[in-house]
C-alpha atoms as a PDB file:
ATOM      1  CA  MET A   1      -0.009   0.000  -0.005  1.00  0.00           C
ATOM      2  CA  THR A   2       1.066   3.592  -0.488  1.00  0.00           C
ATOM      3  CA  SER A   3       0.192   4.611   3.056  1.00  0.00           C
ATOM      4  CA  LEU A   4       1.404   7.973   4.362  1.00  0.00           C
ATOM      5  CA  GLY A   5       3.007   9.312   1.252  1.00  0.00           C
ATOM      6  CA  ILE A   6       0.950  12.246   2.367  1.00  0.00           C
ATOM      7  CA  GLY A   7       0.530  15.353   0.263  1.00  0.00           C
ATOM      8  CA  ARG A   8      -2.301  17.850   0.109  1.00  0.00           C
ATOM      9  CA  ARG A   9      -4.438  15.708  -2.124  1.00  0.00           C
ATOM     10  CA  ALA A  10      -3.457  12.316  -0.696  1.00  0.00           C
ATOM     11  CA  LEU A  11      -4.301  13.048   2.926  1.00  0.00           C
ATOM     12  CA  LEU A  12      -6.288  15.285   2.278  1.00  0.00           C
ATOM     13  CA  GLY A  13     -18.034  15.406  22.119  1.00  0.00           C
ATOM     14  CA  THR A  14     -19.076  13.677  32.603  1.00  0.00           C
ATOM     15  CA  ALA A  15     -21.704  15.038  34.203  1.00  0.00           C
ATOM     16  CA  SER A  16     -24.892  13.097  34.709  1.00  0.00           C
ATOM     17  CA  LEU A  17     -26.080  11.485  31.515  1.00  0.00           C
ATOM     18  CA  GLY A  18     -28.444  14.105  30.137  1.00  0.00           C
ATOM     19  CA  PHE A  19     -31.146  14.125  27.558  1.00  0.00           C
ATOM     20  CA  ILE A  20     -33.849  16.554  26.544  1.00  0.00           C
ATOM     21  CA  ALA A  21     -36.921  15.422  28.411  1.00  0.00           C
ATOM     22  CA  SER A  22     -39.278  18.263  27.500  1.00  0.00           C
ATOM     23  CA  PRO A  23     -40.590  19.100  24.017  1.00  0.00           C
ATOM     24  CA  ALA A  24     -38.115  21.215  22.078  1.00  0.00           C
ATOM     25  CA  ILE A  25     -37.221  22.231  18.566  1.00  0.00           C
ATOM     26  CA  ILE A  26     -33.571  21.454  17.843  1.00  0.00           C
ATOM     27  CA  GLY A  27     -31.990  21.948  14.449  1.00  0.00           C
ATOM     28  CA  GLY A  28     -35.411  22.051  12.802  1.00  0.00           C
ATOM     29  CA  ARG A  29     -36.565  18.730  14.282  1.00  0.00           C
ATOM     30  CA  ALA A  30     -39.212  18.365  16.980  1.00  0.00           C
ATOM     31  CA  PHE A  31     -38.459  16.231  20.022  1.00  0.00           C
ATOM     32  CA  ALA A  32     -41.044  15.248  22.597  1.00  0.00           C
ATOM     33  CA  GLN A  33     -40.751  13.342  25.819  1.00  0.00           C
ATOM     34  CA  GLU A  34     -42.326  10.204  24.431  1.00  0.00           C
ATOM     35  CA  SER A  35     -39.705   9.940  21.647  1.00  0.00           C
ATOM     36  CA  LYS A  36     -36.614   9.646  23.873  1.00  0.00           C
ATOM     37  CA  PRO A  37     -34.128   7.386  22.070  1.00  0.00           C
ATOM     38  CA  LEU A  38     -32.782   4.341  23.873  1.00  0.00           C
ATOM     39  CA  GLY A  39     -34.755   5.036  27.021  1.00  0.00           C
ATOM     40  CA  ILE A  40     -32.531   7.958  28.128  1.00  0.00           C
ATOM     41  CA  ASP A  41     -34.453  10.405  30.368  1.00  0.00           C
ATOM     42  CA  ARG A  42     -31.800  12.500  32.049  1.00  0.00           C
ATOM     43  CA  VAL A  43     -31.394  16.214  32.335  1.00  0.00           C
ATOM     44  CA  SER A  44     -28.355  17.878  30.711  1.00  0.00           C
ATOM     45  CA  PRO A  45     -27.164  17.129  27.199  1.00  0.00           C
ATOM     46  CA  PRO A  46     -23.478  16.369  26.650  1.00  0.00           C
ATOM     47  CA  ASP A  47     -21.049  18.845  25.202  1.00  0.00           C
ATOM     48  CA  ILE A  48     -21.245  19.238  21.450  1.00  0.00           C
ATOM     49  CA  HIS A  49     -19.432  21.527  19.019  1.00  0.00           C
ATOM     50  CA  LYS A  50     -20.388  22.504  15.473  1.00  0.00           C
ATOM     51  CA  PHE A  51     -18.253  24.063  12.767  1.00  0.00           C
ATOM     52  CA  LYS A  52     -18.086  24.184   9.002  1.00  0.00           C
ATOM     53  CA  VAL A  53     -15.567  22.542   6.688  1.00  0.00           C
ATOM     54  CA  GLY A  54     -16.434  24.277   3.464  1.00  0.00           C
ATOM     55  CA  GLY A  55     -19.900  23.051   2.514  1.00  0.00           C
ATOM     56  CA  PHE A  56     -19.843  20.269   5.109  1.00  0.00           C
ATOM     57  CA  GLN A  57     -21.244  20.600   8.623  1.00  0.00           C
ATOM     58  CA  ALA A  58     -19.052  19.026  11.298  1.00  0.00           C
ATOM     59  CA  LEU A  59     -20.349  18.025  14.721  1.00  0.00           C
ATOM     60  CA  VAL A  60     -18.104  16.792  17.553  1.00  0.00           C
ATOM     61  CA  ILE A  61     -19.752  15.040  20.487  1.00  0.00           C
ATOM     62  CA  LYS A  62     -18.189  14.434  23.873  1.00  0.00           C
ATOM     63  CA  ASP A  63     -19.145  10.802  24.448  1.00  0.00           C
ATOM     64  CA  GLY A  64     -17.577  10.912  27.882  1.00  0.00           C
ATOM     65  CA  ALA A  65     -14.435  11.571  29.848  1.00  0.00           C
ATOM     66  CA  ARG A  66     -12.719   9.775  32.670  1.00  0.00           C
ATOM     67  CA  PRO A  67      -9.616   9.963  34.872  1.00  0.00           C
ATOM     68  CA  SER A  68      -7.056   7.484  33.662  1.00  0.00           C
ATOM     69  CA  GLY A  69      -4.276   7.061  36.158  1.00  0.00           C
ATOM     70  CA  LYS A  70      -0.695   8.188  35.889  1.00  0.00           C
ATOM     71  CA  PRO A  71       0.091   9.551  32.390  1.00  0.00           C
ATOM     72  CA  GLY A  72       3.531   7.913  32.469  1.00  0.00           C
ATOM     73  CA  GLU A  73       1.953   4.466  32.696  1.00  0.00           C
ATOM     74  CA  THR A  74       0.429   5.004  29.237  1.00  0.00           C
ATOM     75  CA  PHE A  75       2.628   7.546  27.459  1.00  0.00           C
ATOM     76  CA  GLY A  76       6.406   7.583  27.322  1.00  0.00           C
ATOM     77  CA  THR A  77       6.641   4.027  28.585  1.00  0.00           C
ATOM     78  CA  ASN A  78      10.177   3.814  27.209  1.00  0.00           C
ATOM     79  CA  GLN A  79      11.250   6.896  29.181  1.00  0.00           C
ATOM     80  CA  PRO A  80      12.273   7.416  32.808  1.00  0.00           C
ATOM     81  CA  GLN A  81       9.331   8.439  34.968  1.00  0.00           C
ATOM     82  CA  GLU A  82      11.026  11.706  35.955  1.00  0.00           C
ATOM     83  CA  THR A  83      11.422  12.662  32.284  1.00  0.00           C
ATOM     84  CA  VAL A  84       7.705  12.220  31.650  1.00  0.00           C
ATOM     85  CA  ASP A  85       6.806  14.063  34.878  1.00  0.00           C
ATOM     86  CA  ALA A  86       9.071  16.977  33.946  1.00  0.00           C
ATOM     87  CA  LEU A  87       7.409  17.435  30.557  1.00  0.00           C
ATOM     88  CA  LEU A  88       3.984  17.355  32.191  1.00  0.00           C
ATOM     89  CA  ALA A  89       5.053  19.982  34.741  1.00  0.00           C
ATOM     90  CA  GLU A  90       6.371  22.227  31.955  1.00  0.00           C
ATOM     91  CA  ASN A  91       2.881  22.105  30.469  1.00  0.00           C
ATOM     92  CA  PHE A  92       0.992  22.757  33.715  1.00  0.00           C
ATOM     93  CA  LEU A  93      -0.192  19.129  34.001  1.00  0.00           C
ATOM     94  CA  ARG A  94      -0.158  16.793  36.975  1.00  0.00           C
ATOM     95  CA  PRO A  95       1.989  13.661  36.922  1.00  0.00           C
ATOM     96  CA  ASP A  96      -0.407  11.496  38.942  1.00  0.00           C
ATOM     97  CA  GLN A  97      -3.498  11.535  36.748  1.00  0.00           C
ATOM     98  CA  PHE A  98      -4.829  12.593  33.357  1.00  0.00           C
ATOM     99  CA  VAL A  99      -8.280  12.875  31.810  1.00  0.00           C
ATOM    100  CA  ASN A 100      -9.079  10.829  28.728  1.00  0.00           C
ATOM    101  CA  SER A 101     -12.024  12.027  26.613  1.00  0.00           C
ATOM    102  CA  PHE A 102     -13.773  10.482  23.619  1.00  0.00           C
ATOM    103  CA  SER A 103     -15.035  12.467  20.602  1.00  0.00           C
ATOM    104  CA  PRO A 104     -17.028  10.743  17.886  1.00  0.00           C
ATOM    105  CA  THR A 105     -17.583  13.080  14.959  1.00  0.00           C
ATOM    106  CA  LEU A 106     -20.376  13.562  12.461  1.00  0.00           C
ATOM    107  CA  ILE A 107     -19.957  15.043   8.970  1.00  0.00           C
ATOM    108  CA  ASP A 108     -23.138  16.147   7.214  1.00  0.00           C
ATOM    109  CA  THR A 109     -22.344  16.637   3.556  1.00  0.00           C
ATOM    110  CA  GLY A 110     -25.886  17.695   2.684  1.00  0.00           C
ATOM    111  CA  SER A 111     -26.644  14.394   1.010  1.00  0.00           C
ATOM    112  CA  GLU A 112     -24.972  11.986   3.485  1.00  0.00           C
ATOM    113  CA  VAL A 113     -24.848  12.028   7.275  1.00  0.00           C
ATOM    114  CA  ILE A 114     -21.619  10.238   8.196  1.00  0.00           C
ATOM    115  CA  LEU A 115     -20.678   9.266  11.709  1.00  0.00           C
ATOM    116  CA  PHE A 116     -17.029   8.526  12.458  1.00  0.00           C
ATOM    117  CA  ASP A 117     -16.820   6.004  15.337  1.00  0.00           C
ATOM    118  CA  THR A 118     -19.546   5.229  17.842  1.00  0.00           C
ATOM    119  CA  GLY A 119     -17.996   5.821  21.236  1.00  0.00           C
ATOM    120  CA  LEU A 120     -18.116   3.724  24.342  1.00  0.00           C
ATOM    121  CA  GLY A 121     -21.699   2.492  24.161  1.00  0.00           C
ATOM    122  CA  GLN A 122     -24.295   1.587  26.751  1.00  0.00           C
ATOM    123  CA  ALA A 123     -21.944  -0.312  29.043  1.00  0.00           C
ATOM    124  CA  ALA A 124     -20.180   2.968  29.884  1.00  0.00           C
ATOM    125  CA  ARG A 125     -23.281   4.861  30.944  1.00  0.00           C
ATOM    126  CA  VAL A 126     -23.054   3.886  34.591  1.00  0.00           C
ATOM    127  CA  GLN A 127     -19.714   5.749  34.644  1.00  0.00           C
ATOM    128  CA  GLY A 128     -20.936   8.790  32.712  1.00  0.00           C
ATOM    129  CA  GLY A 129     -19.961   7.711  29.198  1.00  0.00           C
ATOM    130  CA  GLY A 130     -21.835   6.437  26.181  1.00  0.00           C
ATOM    131  CA  ARG A 131     -23.449   9.828  25.457  1.00  0.00           C
ATOM    132  CA  LEU A 132     -23.244   9.792  21.669  1.00  0.00           C
ATOM    133  CA  VAL A 133     -26.965   9.406  20.954  1.00  0.00           C
ATOM    134  CA  GLU A 134     -27.781  12.211  23.363  1.00  0.00           C
ATOM    135  CA  GLY A 135     -25.269  14.487  21.688  1.00  0.00           C
ATOM    136  CA  LEU A 136     -26.649  13.693  18.274  1.00  0.00           C
ATOM    137  CA  ALA A 137     -30.167  14.490  19.523  1.00  0.00           C
ATOM    138  CA  ALA A 138     -29.032  17.780  20.987  1.00  0.00           C
ATOM    139  CA  ALA A 139     -27.825  18.743  17.506  1.00  0.00           C
ATOM    140  CA  GLY A 140     -31.021  17.572  15.806  1.00  0.00           C
ATOM    141  CA  TYR A 141     -30.039  14.076  14.634  1.00  0.00           C
ATOM    142  CA  MET A 142     -31.757  10.828  15.502  1.00  0.00           C
ATOM    143  CA  PRO A 143     -30.158   7.385  15.040  1.00  0.00           C
ATOM    144  CA  GLU A 144     -32.256   6.831  11.920  1.00  0.00           C
ATOM    145  CA  ASP A 145     -30.688   9.895  10.311  1.00  0.00           C
ATOM    146  CA  ILE A 146     -27.203   8.360  10.146  1.00  0.00           C
ATOM    147  CA  SER A 147     -26.574   7.088   6.644  1.00  0.00           C
ATOM    148  CA  THR A 148     -22.987   5.863   7.084  1.00  0.00           C
ATOM    149  CA  ILE A 149     -20.866   4.753  10.007  1.00  0.00           C
ATOM    150  CA  VAL A 150     -17.131   4.897   9.454  1.00  0.00           C
ATOM    151  CA  ILE A 151     -14.931   2.898  11.825  1.00  0.00           C
ATOM    152  CA  THR A 152     -11.446   4.361  12.051  1.00  0.00           C
ATOM    153  CA  HIS A 153     -10.224   1.289  13.935  1.00  0.00           C
ATOM    154  CA  MET A 154     -11.764  -1.401  16.080  1.00  0.00           C
ATOM    155  CA  HIS A 155     -10.814  -0.647  19.641  1.00  0.00           C
ATOM    156  CA  GLY A 156     -13.703  -0.808  22.110  1.00  0.00           C
ATOM    157  CA  ASP A 157     -14.049   2.932  22.641  1.00  0.00           C
ATOM    158  CA  HIS A 158     -14.709   3.342  18.908  1.00  0.00           C
ATOM    159  CA  ILE A 159     -17.076   0.424  18.317  1.00  0.00           C
ATOM    160  CA  GLY A 160     -18.930   0.250  21.651  1.00  0.00           C
ATOM    161  CA  GLY A 161     -21.934   2.168  20.409  1.00  0.00           C
ATOM    162  CA  ILE A 162     -22.619   0.209  17.235  1.00  0.00           C
ATOM    163  CA  MET A 163     -25.062  -2.091  19.047  1.00  0.00           C
ATOM    164  CA  GLU A 164     -27.734  -1.220  21.611  1.00  0.00           C
ATOM    165  CA  ASP A 165     -29.493  -3.994  23.533  1.00  0.00           C
ATOM    166  CA  GLY A 166     -28.295  -6.494  20.945  1.00  0.00           C
ATOM    167  CA  LYS A 167     -29.631  -4.509  17.968  1.00  0.00           C
ATOM    168  CA  ALA A 168     -28.127  -2.033  15.552  1.00  0.00           C
ATOM    169  CA  ALA A 169     -28.076   1.383  17.245  1.00  0.00           C
ATOM    170  CA  PHE A 170     -28.208   3.128  13.857  1.00  0.00           C
ATOM    171  CA  PRO A 171     -30.700   1.014  11.928  1.00  0.00           C
ATOM    172  CA  LYS A 172     -30.465   2.652   8.510  1.00  0.00           C
ATOM    173  CA  ALA A 173     -26.689   3.024   8.309  1.00  0.00           C
ATOM    174  CA  ARG A 174     -24.254   1.316   6.040  1.00  0.00           C
ATOM    175  CA  TYR A 175     -20.769   0.684   7.427  1.00  0.00           C
ATOM    176  CA  VAL A 176     -17.291   1.544   6.259  1.00  0.00           C
ATOM    177  CA  ALA A 177     -14.146   0.062   7.752  1.00  0.00           C
ATOM    178  CA  GLY A 178     -10.555  -0.705   6.885  1.00  0.00           C
ATOM    179  CA  GLU A 179     -10.068  -4.054   5.218  1.00  0.00           C
ATOM    180  CA  ALA A 180      -6.819  -4.782   7.037  1.00  0.00           C
ATOM    181  CA  GLU A 181      -8.328  -3.796  10.367  1.00  0.00           C
ATOM    182  CA  TYR A 182     -11.382  -6.006   9.983  1.00  0.00           C
ATOM    183  CA  ASN A 183      -9.348  -8.991   8.825  1.00  0.00           C
ATOM    184  CA  PHE A 184      -7.000  -8.678  11.781  1.00  0.00           C
ATOM    185  CA  TRP A 185      -9.623  -8.456  14.489  1.00  0.00           C
ATOM    186  CA  THR A 186     -11.966 -11.136  13.119  1.00  0.00           C
ATOM    187  CA  ASP A 187      -9.134 -13.658  12.624  1.00  0.00           C
ATOM    188  CA  ALA A 188      -9.493 -16.639  14.968  1.00  0.00           C
ATOM    189  CA  ALA A 189      -5.740 -16.399  15.530  1.00  0.00           C
ATOM    190  CA  ARG A 190      -6.460 -13.584  18.068  1.00  0.00           C
ATOM    191  CA  ALA A 191      -7.990 -16.196  20.426  1.00  0.00           C
ATOM    192  CA  GLY A 192      -5.670 -16.990  23.308  1.00  0.00           C
ATOM    193  CA  THR A 193      -3.613 -13.823  22.804  1.00  0.00           C
ATOM    194  CA  PRO A 194      -3.713 -10.446  24.617  1.00  0.00           C
ATOM    195  CA  ALA A 195      -5.949  -9.250  21.750  1.00  0.00           C
ATOM    196  CA  GLU A 196      -8.643 -11.831  22.525  1.00  0.00           C
ATOM    197  CA  GLY A 197     -10.903  -9.464  24.469  1.00  0.00           C
ATOM    198  CA  ASN A 198     -11.031  -6.927  21.673  1.00  0.00           C
ATOM    199  CA  HIS A 199     -11.416  -9.757  19.147  1.00  0.00           C
ATOM    200  CA  LYS A 200     -14.581 -10.843  20.950  1.00  0.00           C
ATOM    201  CA  ALA A 201     -15.874  -7.247  21.013  1.00  0.00           C
ATOM    202  CA  VAL A 202     -15.417  -7.021  17.225  1.00  0.00           C
ATOM    203  CA  LEU A 203     -17.215 -10.298  16.694  1.00  0.00           C
ATOM    204  CA  ALA A 204     -20.125  -9.048  18.807  1.00  0.00           C
ATOM    205  CA  ASN A 205     -20.361  -5.468  17.564  1.00  0.00           C
ATOM    206  CA  VAL A 206     -18.883  -5.280  14.078  1.00  0.00           C
ATOM    207  CA  LYS A 207     -19.069  -8.662  12.394  1.00  0.00           C
ATOM    208  CA  PRO A 208     -22.901  -8.805  12.504  1.00  0.00           C
ATOM    209  CA  HIS A 209     -22.905  -5.878  10.032  1.00  0.00           C
ATOM    210  CA  ALA A 210     -20.430  -7.382   7.561  1.00  0.00           C
ATOM    211  CA  GLU A 211     -23.039  -7.705   4.822  1.00  0.00           C
ATOM    212  CA  LYS A 212     -23.672  -3.947   4.973  1.00  0.00           C
ATOM    213  CA  MET A 213     -19.998  -3.050   5.143  1.00  0.00           C
ATOM    214  CA  THR A 214     -17.712  -1.465   2.568  1.00  0.00           C
ATOM    215  CA  PHE A 215     -14.057  -2.296   3.105  1.00  0.00           C
ATOM    216  CA  LEU A 216     -11.557   0.418   2.267  1.00  0.00           C
ATOM    217  CA  LYS A 217      -7.894   0.302   1.509  1.00  0.00           C
ATOM    218  CA  ASP A 218      -5.475   3.215   1.502  1.00  0.00           C
ATOM    219  CA  GLY A 219      -6.813   6.000  -0.733  1.00  0.00           C
ATOM    220  CA  GLY A 220     -10.391   4.736  -0.838  1.00  0.00           C
ATOM    221  CA  ASP A 221     -13.255   7.243  -0.719  1.00  0.00           C
ATOM    222  CA  VAL A 222     -16.117   7.199   1.747  1.00  0.00           C
ATOM    223  CA  VAL A 223     -17.884   9.773  -0.398  1.00  0.00           C
ATOM    224  CA  SER A 224     -16.555  12.499  -2.658  1.00  0.00           C
ATOM    225  CA  GLY A 225     -14.328  14.733  -0.522  1.00  0.00           C
ATOM    226  CA  ILE A 226     -13.663  12.189   2.251  1.00  0.00           C
ATOM    227  CA  THR A 227     -10.665   9.915   1.636  1.00  0.00           C
ATOM    228  CA  ALA A 228      -9.122   7.211   3.800  1.00  0.00           C
ATOM    229  CA  VAL A 229      -5.392   7.034   4.476  1.00  0.00           C
ATOM    230  CA  LEU A 230      -3.808   4.002   6.095  1.00  0.00           C
ATOM    231  CA  ALA A 231      -1.996   5.180   9.239  1.00  0.00           C
ATOM    232  CA  PRO A 232      -0.926   1.954  11.012  1.00  0.00           C
ATOM    233  CA  GLY A 233       0.800   1.378  14.313  1.00  0.00           C
ATOM    234  CA  HIS A 234      -1.873   2.062  16.876  1.00  0.00           C
ATOM    235  CA  THR A 235      -3.627  -0.904  15.270  1.00  0.00           C
ATOM    236  CA  PRO A 236      -2.648  -2.779  12.109  1.00  0.00           C
ATOM    237  CA  GLY A 237      -5.336  -1.208   9.926  1.00  0.00           C
ATOM    238  CA  HIS A 238      -5.835   2.166  11.659  1.00  0.00           C
ATOM    239  CA  LEU A 239      -7.308   4.676   9.209  1.00  0.00           C
ATOM    240  CA  ILE A 240      -7.341   8.447   9.204  1.00  0.00           C
ATOM    241  CA  PHE A 241      -9.469  10.542   6.866  1.00  0.00           C
ATOM    242  CA  ASN A 242      -8.913  13.630   4.806  1.00  0.00           C
ATOM    243  CA  ILE A 243     -12.056  15.797   4.633  1.00  0.00           C
ATOM    244  CA  GLU A 244     -12.085  18.541   2.005  1.00  0.00           C
ATOM    245  CA  SER A 245     -14.874  20.797   0.775  1.00  0.00           C
ATOM    246  CA  GLU A 246     -14.879  24.140  -1.013  1.00  0.00           C
ATOM    247  CA  GLY A 247     -11.174  24.662  -0.365  1.00  0.00           C
ATOM    248  CA  ARG A 248     -11.388  23.913   3.374  1.00  0.00           C
ATOM    249  CA  ARG A 249      -9.718  20.886   4.844  1.00  0.00           C
ATOM    250  CA  LEU A 250      -9.688  18.812   8.028  1.00  0.00           C
ATOM    251  CA  VAL A 251      -7.763  15.673   8.853  1.00  0.00           C
ATOM    252  CA  LEU A 252      -9.677  13.251  11.062  1.00  0.00           C
ATOM    253  CA  ALA A 253      -6.653  11.772  12.846  1.00  0.00           C
ATOM    254  CA  ALA A 254      -8.440   9.259  15.079  1.00  0.00           C
ATOM    255  CA  ASP A 255      -5.895   7.770  17.505  1.00  0.00           C
ATOM    256  CA  THR A 256      -2.706   8.787  15.710  1.00  0.00           C
ATOM    257  CA  ALA A 257      -1.881  10.885  18.773  1.00  0.00           C
ATOM    258  CA  ASN A 258      -3.757  10.343  22.028  1.00  0.00           C
ATOM    259  CA  HIS A 259      -2.358  13.061  24.299  1.00  0.00           C
ATOM    260  CA  TYR A 260      -1.988  16.650  23.257  1.00  0.00           C
ATOM    261  CA  VAL A 261       1.349  17.041  25.040  1.00  0.00           C
ATOM    262  CA  LEU A 262       2.966  13.631  25.497  1.00  0.00           C
ATOM    263  CA  SER A 263       2.085  12.272  22.041  1.00  0.00           C
ATOM    264  CA  LEU A 264       2.682  15.494  20.142  1.00  0.00           C
ATOM    265  CA  GLN A 265       5.653  17.138  21.813  1.00  0.00           C
ATOM    266  CA  ARG A 266       7.379  13.766  21.953  1.00  0.00           C
ATOM    267  CA  PRO A 267       5.972  11.703  19.058  1.00  0.00           C
ATOM    268  CA  ASP A 268       8.737   9.136  19.360  1.00  0.00           C
ATOM    269  CA  TRP A 269       7.733   8.209  22.922  1.00  0.00           C
ATOM    270  CA  GLU A 270       6.092   4.807  23.127  1.00  0.00           C
ATOM    271  CA  VAL A 271       2.409   4.491  23.982  1.00  0.00           C
ATOM    272  CA  ARG A 272       1.148   1.432  25.836  1.00  0.00           C
ATOM    273  CA  PHE A 273      -1.901   0.965  23.614  1.00  0.00           C
ATOM    274  CA  ASP A 274      -0.015   1.200  20.320  1.00  0.00           C
ATOM    275  CA  MET A 275       0.250  -2.350  18.982  1.00  0.00           C
ATOM    276  CA  ASP A 276       3.319  -1.632  16.843  1.00  0.00           C
ATOM    277  CA  LYS A 277       5.065   1.086  18.794  1.00  0.00           C
ATOM    278  CA  ALA A 278       7.802   1.878  16.298  1.00  0.00           C
ATOM    279  CA  GLN A 279       5.315   2.078  13.426  1.00  0.00           C
ATOM    280  CA  ALA A 280       2.962   4.249  15.474  1.00  0.00           C
ATOM    281  CA  ALA A 281       5.769   6.705  16.201  1.00  0.00           C
ATOM    282  CA  ALA A 282       6.722   6.868  12.533  1.00  0.00           C
ATOM    283  CA  THR A 283       3.052   7.465  11.619  1.00  0.00           C
ATOM    284  CA  ARG A 284       2.754  10.293  14.144  1.00  0.00           C
ATOM    285  CA  LYS A 285       5.750  12.045  12.666  1.00  0.00           C
ATOM    286  CA  LYS A 286       4.525  11.700   9.063  1.00  0.00           C
ATOM    287  CA  VAL A 287       0.972  12.790   9.797  1.00  0.00           C
ATOM    288  CA  PHE A 288       1.878  15.786  11.966  1.00  0.00           C
ATOM    289  CA  ASP A 289       4.801  16.860   9.786  1.00  0.00           C
ATOM    290  CA  MET A 290       2.216  17.142   7.040  1.00  0.00           C
ATOM    291  CA  ALA A 291      -0.270  18.962   9.261  1.00  0.00           C
ATOM    292  CA  ALA A 292       2.370  21.448  10.426  1.00  0.00           C
ATOM    293  CA  THR A 293       3.769  22.050   6.946  1.00  0.00           C
ATOM    294  CA  ASP A 294       0.361  22.482   5.306  1.00  0.00           C
ATOM    295  CA  LYS A 295      -1.107  24.308   8.311  1.00  0.00           C
ATOM    296  CA  VAL A 296      -4.095  22.016   8.167  1.00  0.00           C
ATOM    297  CA  ALA A 297      -6.438  21.439  11.079  1.00  0.00           C
ATOM    298  CA  PHE A 298      -6.854  17.991  12.596  1.00  0.00           C
ATOM    299  CA  LEU A 299      -9.378  16.373  14.839  1.00  0.00           C
ATOM    300  CA  GLY A 300      -8.009  13.820  17.323  1.00  0.00           C
ATOM    301  CA  TYR A 301     -10.395  11.433  19.065  1.00  0.00           C
ATOM    302  CA  HIS A 302      -8.719  11.933  22.464  1.00  0.00           C
ATOM    303  CA  MET A 303      -7.631  15.551  22.161  1.00  0.00           C
ATOM    304  CA  PRO A 304      -9.101  18.086  24.655  1.00  0.00           C
ATOM    305  CA  PHE A 305     -12.708  18.765  23.670  1.00  0.00           C
ATOM    306  CA  PRO A 306     -13.763  19.926  21.080  1.00  0.00           C
ATOM    307  CA  ALA A 307     -10.735  17.925  19.922  1.00  0.00           C
ATOM    308  CA  VAL A 308      -9.851  20.153  16.955  1.00  0.00           C
ATOM    309  CA  GLY A 309      -6.617  22.104  16.493  1.00  0.00           C
ATOM    310  CA  PHE A 310      -3.432  22.725  14.612  1.00  0.00           C
ATOM    311  CA  VAL A 311       0.190  21.772  15.267  1.00  0.00           C
ATOM    312  CA  GLU A 312       3.306  23.925  15.175  1.00  0.00           C
ATOM    313  CA  LYS A 313       6.634  22.210  14.526  1.00  0.00           C
ATOM    314  CA  GLN A 314       9.086  22.287  17.386  1.00  0.00           C
ATOM    315  CA  GLU A 315      12.587  20.872  17.810  1.00  0.00           C
ATOM    316  CA  THR A 316      11.386  17.621  19.403  1.00  0.00           C
ATOM    317  CA  GLY A 317       7.865  17.411  18.049  1.00  0.00           C
ATOM    318  CA  TYR A 318       4.807  19.598  17.774  1.00  0.00           C
ATOM    319  CA  ARG A 319       2.858  22.112  19.841  1.00  0.00           C
ATOM    320  CA  PHE A 320      -0.927  21.710  19.917  1.00  0.00           C
ATOM    321  CA  VAL A 321      -2.834  24.907  19.039  1.00  0.00           C
ATOM    322  CA  PRO A 322      -6.565  24.584  19.733  1.00  0.00           C
ATOM    323  CA  LYS A 323      -8.986  25.784  17.078  1.00  0.00           C
ATOM    324  CA  SER A 324     -10.596  29.173  17.660  1.00  0.00           C
ATOM    325  CA  TYR A 325     -12.526  30.972  14.908  1.00  0.00           C
ATOM    326  CA  GLN A 326     -10.704  29.614  11.844  1.00  0.00           C
ATOM    327  CA  PHE A 327     -13.762  27.816  10.483  1.00  0.00           C
ATOM    328  CA  ASP A 328     -16.175  30.659  11.275  1.00  0.00           C
ATOM    329  CA  ILE A 329     -14.908  33.033   8.570  1.00  0.00           C
END
């Protein structure tokens, strides 16, 4: 494959679980108490963020957030603890705990409503996660409105919301996934290995939809203006997506970098959840070298909400610059 020969054309959202319980008009759609999706009847909607990418409407939903232990146990695992702690302190961050958030993203092209990843799902709701459907509703979208679900890769926090009570959570959607990713996780060879748990999750959540699934390789299009790029390392078939419309551009970077300091300022540092750590580091450098050189925005699934920003090249890596009003003008 020609993965990550990336030029401009090639690469081109935890409080209580809230929902709108009273009648309201949101985004031109009427919602009433009796039409609550999935039995959710809580009070405050989750954080959402809208912006335009040319003629496309983008919506980021905070599916949840949770404290995740010492950062050095996940990031910079090939570095001395004091080195990781020092970088955190330089960036006003604590060494004993970090917050991990999850940001599924919807792109409405006008003719297609495309959801990238499905979040943690119903099992996470007791801990304040699994808020994707609520966030969609707050922006005026019901599960039946989703025409396409794109799976960037098949870790549990990206596929957990595909099913709801044993049924498809988005009943009218077709599915798009990486061919290499699907083949890896559905292979019976994963049984008896450290990947077995995730293998079982894929068999339960993803494989039932195989007949409605389009499998992409590097360079394949989801729709016109949305192109897949193979970006392996985090998982064997991890995909990122170039989104381009009317001269505006966004890179949906998925889990290429999972911490806005430790993964960007030190892209060569190993990450515990990267399956091929050397390949993942090489992918980070290629993707973010491109983003810095082209000054293109990216959206990272685990970046600080609303998860969109730019990167500036530094001597050892990149500095994360959160989006402000760039897409508003």
